[in-house]
Amino acid sequence: MTDPRYTALGRRKVRGRSMVLLLVGTALLMPPLIGVSLLDAKIAGIPAPLVYVFGVWALLIGIAFSLAGPLAESDPGAASPEADDAGG
């Protein structure tokens, strides 16, 4: 059995990382930072700003997916899908 202090610490770490992801993602997609990437260059025929926006978007989705498992496991109050199906 694991010590409750360590599970609470792990839960706080995962929640903290997800909050940092939200803030960093918001900052990376803010118009002033996107303005920096406004170049006339094209990458594989696609405008550079479009590659930047969708690249950041894909990266945020990947990181969020990697945090989703530990975040769901660390939440003791989360209902399992089996409990929802059995309930009615």
C-alpha atoms as a PDB file:
ATOM      1  CA  MET A   1       0.000   0.000   0.000  1.00  0.00           C
ATOM      2  CA  THR A   2       1.315   3.433  -0.834  1.00  0.00           C
ATOM      3  CA  ASP A   3       1.624   6.218   1.657  1.00  0.00           C
ATOM      4  CA  PRO A   4      -1.231   8.771   1.224  1.00  0.00           C
ATOM      5  CA  ARG A   5       1.254  11.631   1.510  1.00  0.00           C
ATOM      6  CA  TYR A   6       3.047  10.449  -1.633  1.00  0.00           C
ATOM      7  CA  THR A   7      -0.128   9.969  -3.621  1.00  0.00           C
ATOM      8  CA  ALA A   8      -1.258  13.479  -2.662  1.00  0.00           C
ATOM      9  CA  LEU A   9       2.139  14.823  -3.684  1.00  0.00           C
ATOM     10  CA  GLY A  10       1.945  13.007  -7.016  1.00  0.00           C
ATOM     11  CA  ARG A  11      -1.565  14.356  -7.589  1.00  0.00           C
ATOM     12  CA  ARG A  12      -0.382  17.909  -6.904  1.00  0.00           C
ATOM     13  CA  LYS A  13       2.573  17.483  -9.261  1.00  0.00           C
ATOM     14  CA  VAL A  14       0.404  16.271 -12.117  1.00  0.00           C
ATOM     15  CA  ARG A  15      -2.145  19.034 -11.571  1.00  0.00           C
ATOM     16  CA  GLY A  16       0.664  21.583 -11.404  1.00  0.00           C
ATOM     17  CA  ARG A  17       2.113  20.303 -14.672  1.00  0.00           C
ATOM     18  CA  SER A  18      -1.288  20.490 -16.351  1.00  0.00           C
ATOM     19  CA  MET A  19      -1.685  24.089 -15.154  1.00  0.00           C
ATOM     20  CA  VAL A  20       1.763  24.974 -16.506  1.00  0.00           C
ATOM     21  CA  LEU A  21       0.788  23.367 -19.820  1.00  0.00           C
ATOM     22  CA  LEU A  22      -2.307  25.562 -19.969  1.00  0.00           C
ATOM     23  CA  LEU A  23      -0.345  28.738 -19.271  1.00  0.00           C
ATOM     24  CA  VAL A  24       2.498  27.922 -21.660  1.00  0.00           C
ATOM     25  CA  GLY A  25       0.034  26.942 -24.384  1.00  0.00           C
ATOM     26  CA  THR A  26      -1.873  30.166 -23.938  1.00  0.00           C
ATOM     27  CA  ALA A  27       1.323  32.203 -24.084  1.00  0.00           C
ATOM     28  CA  LEU A  28       2.571  30.406 -27.203  1.00  0.00           C
ATOM     29  CA  LEU A  29      -0.680  31.043 -29.056  1.00  0.00           C
ATOM     30  CA  MET A  30      -1.082  34.691 -28.058  1.00  0.00           C
ATOM     31  CA  PRO A  31      -1.103  37.069 -31.037  1.00  0.00           C
ATOM     32  CA  PRO A  32       2.177  38.863 -30.163  1.00  0.00           C
ATOM     33  CA  LEU A  33       4.132  35.601 -30.207  1.00  0.00           C
ATOM     34  CA  ILE A  34       2.409  34.426 -33.350  1.00  0.00           C
ATOM     35  CA  GLY A  35       3.343  37.775 -34.879  1.00  0.00           C
ATOM     36  CA  VAL A  36       6.997  36.854 -34.447  1.00  0.00           C
ATOM     37  CA  SER A  37       6.459  33.883 -36.715  1.00  0.00           C
ATOM     38  CA  LEU A  38       4.843  35.934 -39.465  1.00  0.00           C
ATOM     39  CA  LEU A  39       7.278  35.255 -42.209  1.00  0.00           C
ATOM     40  CA  ASP A  40       6.818  35.107 -45.937  1.00  0.00           C
ATOM     41  CA  ALA A  41       8.589  31.757 -45.900  1.00  0.00           C
ATOM     42  CA  LYS A  42       6.873  28.523 -46.723  1.00  0.00           C
ATOM     43  CA  ILE A  43       7.599  25.113 -45.285  1.00  0.00           C
ATOM     44  CA  ALA A  44       6.704  22.353 -47.741  1.00  0.00           C
ATOM     45  CA  GLY A  45       4.422  24.842 -49.492  1.00  0.00           C
ATOM     46  CA  ILE A  46       2.582  25.750 -46.281  1.00  0.00           C
ATOM     47  CA  PRO A  47       2.931  29.283 -44.833  1.00  0.00           C
ATOM     48  CA  ALA A  48       5.222  29.388 -41.792  1.00  0.00           C
ATOM     49  CA  PRO A  49       2.616  30.915 -39.397  1.00  0.00           C
ATOM     50  CA  LEU A  50       0.225  28.072 -40.166  1.00  0.00           C
ATOM     51  CA  VAL A  51       2.945  25.510 -39.489  1.00  0.00           C
ATOM     52  CA  TYR A  52       3.733  27.303 -36.208  1.00  0.00           C
ATOM     53  CA  VAL A  53       0.117  27.378 -34.979  1.00  0.00           C
ATOM     54  CA  PHE A  54      -0.651  23.774 -35.866  1.00  0.00           C
ATOM     55  CA  GLY A  55       2.752  22.600 -34.622  1.00  0.00           C
ATOM     56  CA  VAL A  56       2.180  24.193 -31.218  1.00  0.00           C
ATOM     57  CA  TRP A  57      -1.370  22.830 -31.199  1.00  0.00           C
ATOM     58  CA  ALA A  58      -0.185  19.272 -31.940  1.00  0.00           C
ATOM     59  CA  LEU A  59       2.554  19.536 -29.306  1.00  0.00           C
ATOM     60  CA  LEU A  60       0.049  20.697 -26.669  1.00  0.00           C
ATOM     61  CA  ILE A  61      -2.289  17.823 -27.528  1.00  0.00           C
ATOM     62  CA  GLY A  62       0.565  15.324 -27.215  1.00  0.00           C
ATOM     63  CA  ILE A  63       1.654  16.652 -23.838  1.00  0.00           C
ATOM     64  CA  ALA A  64      -1.948  16.800 -22.598  1.00  0.00           C
ATOM     65  CA  PHE A  65      -2.445  13.182 -23.686  1.00  0.00           C
ATOM     66  CA  SER A  66       0.648  12.139 -21.739  1.00  0.00           C
ATOM     67  CA  LEU A  67      -0.657  13.966 -18.638  1.00  0.00           C
ATOM     68  CA  ALA A  68      -4.207  12.615 -18.954  1.00  0.00           C
ATOM     69  CA  GLY A  69      -3.388   9.103 -17.735  1.00  0.00           C
ATOM     70  CA  PRO A  70      -1.602  10.088 -14.521  1.00  0.00           C
ATOM     71  CA  LEU A  71      -4.170  12.834 -13.903  1.00  0.00           C
ATOM     72  CA  ALA A  72      -7.063  10.369 -14.161  1.00  0.00           C
ATOM     73  CA  GLU A  73      -5.241   7.826 -11.988  1.00  0.00           C
ATOM     74  CA  SER A  74      -4.467  10.427  -9.330  1.00  0.00           C
ATOM     75  CA  ASP A  75      -8.084  11.600  -9.004  1.00  0.00           C
ATOM     76  CA  PRO A  76      -9.761   9.393  -6.393  1.00  0.00           C
ATOM     77  CA  GLY A  77     -13.171  10.998  -6.941  1.00  0.00           C
ATOM     78  CA  ALA A  78     -13.307  10.273 -10.659  1.00  0.00           C
ATOM     79  CA  ALA A  79     -16.066   7.908 -11.613  1.00  0.00           C
ATOM     80  CA  SER A  80     -15.071   4.918 -13.673  1.00  0.00           C
ATOM     81  CA  PRO A  81     -16.838   4.323 -16.995  1.00  0.00           C
ATOM     82  CA  GLU A  82     -18.083   0.956 -15.719  1.00  0.00           C
ATOM     83  CA  ALA A  83     -19.862   2.670 -12.812  1.00  0.00           C
ATOM     84  CA  ASP A  84     -21.623   5.033 -15.239  1.00  0.00           C
ATOM     85  CA  ASP A  85     -22.879   2.163 -17.399  1.00  0.00           C
ATOM     86  CA  ALA A  86     -24.110   0.153 -14.423  1.00  0.00           C
ATOM     87  CA  GLY A  87     -25.938   3.139 -12.948  1.00  0.00           C
ATOM     88  CA  GLY A  88     -28.613   3.295 -15.518  1.00  0.00           C
END
